Amino acid sequence: MSDYDYNNVDWAAIKRLSQWYSGDIHDVLDDYTYGYLAGITPFGVLKPGQVVCGPVSTVLYEPSTRKGQPQDVYHGAIDAVVPGGILMVDSSCAEGSGTGELMSTGAKTRGAVATIVNGTVRDLAEVRKLDYPLFAKGMSPVGVSGRMEPARAQIELDIGGVRVRPGDVIFADVTGVVVIPHELVGVIADAADRNGQGEAVARQRILSGEKLRDVWPVGSTGPV
């Protein structure tokens, strides 16, 4: 069980990160061990240009043949999520969707800004009515009863080789999901600001009529 203190979340850095997009963030994460959660894409509602960014609470499913098993671990994680936080659920251990309408309703009601699932999700028509960002690897109507159950919360997860710890920050948009280690959030926000501002200047130069090869990368002096 993680002892991460959510009172230490760098909300100012998260706000700065939220003005950019996942490509900007990953560009400046390339020198670190964290990064892109491959194959996880939006299934809930994202408005044009919308991003979600917040500290992670984690849930891990494990195989189980019990029927009608309690969901207390996942329910507890939802009820305890910090407002502005993101739920990261690893339900990849077996076939089945443990996240759908009720889990998403609970998460949104408690103030979560998104749920990210390493696995499948269901009830998408209802989830989309909630206007709630839900990301996953796929969709399936198959339930989890007799297949798996949420076993542990607030532990470190390994999502395709990417470490995700409680308190780490997830940034997600229509392109994908990126993980930022909590101790580097300020550093990554600073780098993303520089990177994004450089792109903004380049964009304006291109729109004003300059040739792309003379503008990008930033600092380019054109052909020699």
Protein backbone atom coordinates (compact mmCIF):
# COMPACT_ATOMS: atom_id res chain seq x y z
CA MET A 1 0.00 0.00 0.00
CA SER A 2 1.40 3.38 -1.01
CA ASP A 3 1.91 6.06 1.60
CA TYR A 4 1.93 8.85 -1.00
CA ASP A 5 0.53 12.07 0.50
CA TYR A 6 -1.81 13.76 -1.99
CA ASN A 7 -1.33 17.02 -0.08
CA ASN A 8 2.01 17.14 -1.90
CA VAL A 9 0.50 17.20 -5.42
CA ASP A 10 2.00 19.99 -7.52
CA TRP A 11 -1.28 21.36 -8.86
CA ALA A 12 0.41 24.44 -10.33
CA ALA A 13 2.63 22.22 -12.51
CA ILE A 14 -0.39 20.10 -13.51
CA LYS A 15 -2.21 23.25 -14.60
CA ARG A 16 0.78 24.26 -16.73
CA LEU A 17 1.03 20.78 -18.27
CA SER A 18 -2.66 20.92 -19.17
CA GLN A 19 -2.12 23.70 -21.72
CA TRP A 20 -0.10 21.36 -23.94
CA TYR A 21 -0.77 18.00 -25.61
CA SER A 22 0.58 14.47 -25.23
CA GLY A 23 3.17 14.84 -27.99
CA ASP A 24 4.71 17.83 -26.21
CA ILE A 25 4.80 15.95 -22.91
CA HIS A 26 6.30 12.77 -24.31
CA ASP A 27 8.95 14.68 -26.23
CA VAL A 28 10.38 15.96 -22.97
CA LEU A 29 9.96 12.58 -21.23
CA ASP A 30 12.19 10.75 -23.70
CA ASP A 31 15.18 10.94 -21.38
CA TYR A 32 13.30 9.29 -18.52
CA THR A 33 12.01 5.77 -17.82
CA TYR A 34 8.34 6.71 -17.71
CA GLY A 35 6.27 7.39 -20.77
CA TYR A 36 3.56 6.26 -23.11
CA LEU A 37 0.95 3.64 -22.19
CA ALA A 38 0.76 1.87 -25.54
CA GLY A 39 -2.61 0.78 -26.87
CA ILE A 40 -4.76 2.74 -24.40
CA THR A 41 -7.12 5.12 -26.21
CA PRO A 42 -10.25 7.18 -25.45
CA PHE A 43 -13.60 5.42 -25.21
CA GLY A 44 -15.48 8.01 -23.18
CA VAL A 45 -16.18 11.61 -24.16
CA LEU A 46 -13.37 14.04 -24.97
CA LYS A 47 -14.31 17.44 -26.32
CA PRO A 48 -12.19 18.79 -29.22
CA GLY A 49 -8.83 19.79 -27.78
CA GLN A 50 -9.65 18.48 -24.29
CA VAL A 51 -6.88 17.02 -22.15
CA VAL A 52 -6.97 15.43 -18.72
CA CYS A 53 -4.11 15.67 -16.28
CA GLY A 54 -3.97 14.67 -12.63
CA PRO A 55 -2.41 12.51 -9.91
CA VAL A 56 -3.00 8.76 -10.05
CA SER A 57 -4.79 6.39 -7.71
CA THR A 58 -4.20 2.75 -8.67
CA VAL A 59 -6.27 -0.45 -8.64
CA LEU A 60 -5.04 -3.96 -9.54
CA TYR A 61 -7.30 -6.85 -10.55
CA GLU A 62 -6.21 -10.46 -10.03
CA PRO A 63 -7.68 -13.71 -11.43
CA SER A 64 -10.56 -15.10 -9.36
CA THR A 65 -13.18 -17.79 -9.93
CA ARG A 66 -15.50 -16.39 -7.25
CA LYS A 67 -18.96 -15.41 -8.44
CA GLY A 68 -20.58 -12.17 -7.38
CA GLN A 69 -17.41 -11.20 -5.57
CA PRO A 70 -17.27 -7.91 -3.69
CA GLN A 71 -15.80 -4.91 -5.46
CA ASP A 72 -14.79 -3.19 -2.21
CA VAL A 73 -11.19 -2.53 -3.27
CA TYR A 74 -12.20 -0.67 -6.44
CA HIS A 75 -15.16 1.03 -4.77
CA GLY A 76 -12.91 2.19 -1.96
CA ALA A 77 -10.37 3.62 -4.40
CA ILE A 78 -13.13 5.52 -6.19
CA ASP A 79 -14.58 6.87 -2.95
CA ALA A 80 -11.13 8.01 -1.78
CA VAL A 81 -9.92 9.58 -5.05
CA VAL A 82 -8.58 13.11 -4.64
CA PRO A 83 -10.67 15.69 -6.54
CA GLY A 84 -8.88 16.30 -9.82
CA GLY A 85 -7.29 12.86 -9.66
CA ILE A 86 -7.24 10.01 -12.16
CA LEU A 87 -7.99 6.34 -11.52
CA MET A 88 -5.53 3.90 -13.13
CA VAL A 89 -6.98 0.39 -13.23
CA ASP A 90 -5.05 -2.69 -14.37
CA SER A 91 -7.62 -5.36 -15.27
CA SER A 92 -5.49 -7.10 -17.89
CA CYS A 93 -5.14 -10.39 -15.99
CA ALA A 94 -8.25 -12.01 -17.48
CA GLU A 95 -11.10 -11.45 -19.92
CA GLY A 96 -13.77 -9.09 -18.64
CA SER A 97 -14.69 -5.46 -18.09
CA GLY A 98 -14.74 -4.22 -14.51
CA THR A 99 -15.31 -0.58 -15.47
CA GLY A 100 -18.52 0.75 -16.96
CA GLU A 101 -21.38 3.07 -16.13
CA LEU A 102 -21.54 2.69 -12.33
CA MET A 103 -17.78 2.88 -11.75
CA SER A 104 -17.58 5.93 -14.03
CA THR A 105 -20.58 7.57 -12.34
CA GLY A 106 -18.97 7.05 -8.95
CA ALA A 107 -15.61 8.37 -10.13
CA LYS A 108 -17.07 11.49 -11.69
CA THR A 109 -19.23 12.15 -8.62
CA ARG A 110 -16.18 11.95 -6.36
CA GLY A 111 -14.30 14.48 -8.51
CA ALA A 112 -12.07 12.26 -10.65
CA VAL A 113 -11.26 13.75 -14.05
CA ALA A 114 -10.78 10.40 -15.86
CA THR A 115 -10.40 6.66 -15.51
CA ILE A 116 -7.63 4.84 -17.40
CA VAL A 117 -8.02 1.07 -17.80
CA ASN A 118 -5.35 -1.39 -18.89
CA GLY A 119 -8.00 -3.79 -20.16
CA THR A 120 -11.51 -3.55 -21.57
CA VAL A 121 -14.49 -1.42 -20.55
CA ARG A 122 -18.24 -1.62 -21.13
CA ASP A 123 -21.54 0.33 -20.93
CA LEU A 124 -20.06 2.87 -23.30
CA ALA A 125 -23.37 4.40 -24.41
CA GLU A 126 -24.15 5.24 -20.79
CA VAL A 127 -20.60 6.33 -19.97
CA ARG A 128 -20.66 8.75 -22.89
CA LYS A 129 -23.91 10.25 -21.60
CA LEU A 130 -21.99 11.05 -18.42
CA ASP A 131 -19.56 13.22 -20.39
CA TYR A 132 -16.76 11.40 -18.57
CA PRO A 133 -13.29 10.69 -20.03
CA LEU A 134 -12.67 6.93 -20.03
CA PHE A 135 -9.60 5.37 -21.64
CA ALA A 136 -8.95 1.67 -22.24
CA LYS A 137 -7.40 -0.93 -24.53
CA GLY A 138 -10.75 -2.09 -25.84
CA MET A 139 -14.40 -2.71 -25.10
CA SER A 140 -16.29 -5.85 -24.17
CA PRO A 141 -19.67 -6.62 -22.59
CA VAL A 142 -18.14 -9.54 -20.65
CA GLY A 143 -18.29 -9.05 -16.88
CA VAL A 144 -15.63 -9.93 -14.32
CA SER A 145 -17.66 -12.29 -12.10
CA GLY A 146 -15.94 -15.68 -11.98
CA ARG A 147 -12.97 -14.34 -13.92
CA MET A 148 -11.18 -11.73 -11.81
CA GLU A 149 -11.68 -9.26 -8.99
CA PRO A 150 -10.04 -6.06 -7.74
CA ALA A 151 -7.53 -7.26 -5.18
CA ARG A 152 -5.24 -4.36 -4.28
CA ALA A 153 -5.25 -0.58 -4.43
CA GLN A 154 -2.66 2.15 -4.11
CA ILE A 155 0.21 -0.05 -5.24
CA GLU A 156 2.78 0.32 -8.00
CA LEU A 157 1.59 -1.03 -11.36
CA ASP A 158 3.57 -2.24 -14.36
CA ILE A 159 1.64 -1.30 -17.49
CA GLY A 160 3.48 -2.74 -20.46
CA GLY A 161 6.84 -1.98 -18.91
CA VAL A 162 5.84 1.50 -17.74
CA ARG A 163 5.81 2.00 -13.98
CA VAL A 164 2.76 3.76 -12.54
CA ARG A 165 2.76 4.67 -8.85
CA PRO A 166 0.13 6.39 -6.71
CA GLY A 167 0.73 10.12 -6.97
CA ASP A 168 2.40 9.95 -10.38
CA VAL A 169 0.72 12.23 -12.89
CA ILE A 170 -1.13 11.03 -15.96
CA PHE A 171 -1.62 13.25 -18.99
CA ALA A 172 -4.12 11.98 -21.55
CA ASP A 173 -5.72 13.32 -24.71
CA VAL A 174 -7.13 11.99 -27.97
CA THR A 175 -3.66 10.82 -29.03
CA GLY A 176 -2.87 8.73 -25.97
CA VAL A 177 -1.81 8.45 -22.34
CA VAL A 178 1.52 9.51 -20.83
CA VAL A 179 2.80 8.94 -17.27
CA ILE A 180 4.99 11.47 -15.43
CA PRO A 181 6.82 10.51 -12.20
CA HIS A 182 5.53 12.67 -9.36
CA GLU A 183 8.99 13.81 -8.31
CA LEU A 184 9.62 15.21 -11.81
CA VAL A 185 6.30 16.92 -12.48
CA GLY A 186 7.72 20.43 -12.04
CA VAL A 187 10.79 19.65 -14.17
CA ILE A 188 8.65 18.18 -16.96
CA ALA A 189 6.24 21.12 -16.80
CA ASP A 190 9.15 23.54 -17.23
CA ALA A 191 10.49 21.58 -20.19
CA ALA A 192 7.02 21.25 -21.74
CA ASP A 193 6.55 25.02 -21.42
CA ARG A 194 9.77 25.65 -23.30
CA ASN A 195 8.97 23.05 -25.94
CA GLY A 196 5.39 24.22 -26.41
CA GLN A 197 6.35 27.88 -26.59
CA GLY A 198 8.94 27.07 -29.23
CA GLU A 199 6.28 25.26 -31.25
CA ALA A 200 3.92 28.21 -30.88
CA VAL A 201 6.53 30.58 -32.31
CA ALA A 202 7.23 28.16 -35.17
CA ARG A 203 3.50 27.89 -35.90
CA GLN A 204 3.15 31.65 -36.17
CA ARG A 205 6.14 31.88 -38.49
CA ILE A 206 4.68 29.16 -40.75
CA LEU A 207 1.28 30.85 -40.79
CA SER A 208 2.95 34.13 -41.72
CA GLY A 209 4.37 32.50 -44.85
CA GLU A 210 7.81 31.22 -43.91
CA LYS A 211 8.90 27.84 -45.26
CA LEU A 212 8.73 24.91 -42.82
CA ARG A 213 12.35 23.92 -43.45
CA ASP A 214 13.42 27.42 -42.38
CA VAL A 215 11.37 27.30 -39.19
CA TRP A 216 11.61 23.83 -37.70
CA PRO A 217 13.48 22.66 -35.69
CA VAL A 218 13.47 25.83 -33.60
CA GLY A 219 16.70 27.70 -34.21
CA SER A 220 16.96 26.53 -37.80
CA THR A 221 18.66 29.05 -40.09
CA GLY A 222 17.46 27.38 -43.24
CA PRO A 223 19.38 25.37 -45.82
CA VAL A 224 23.13 25.78 -45.93
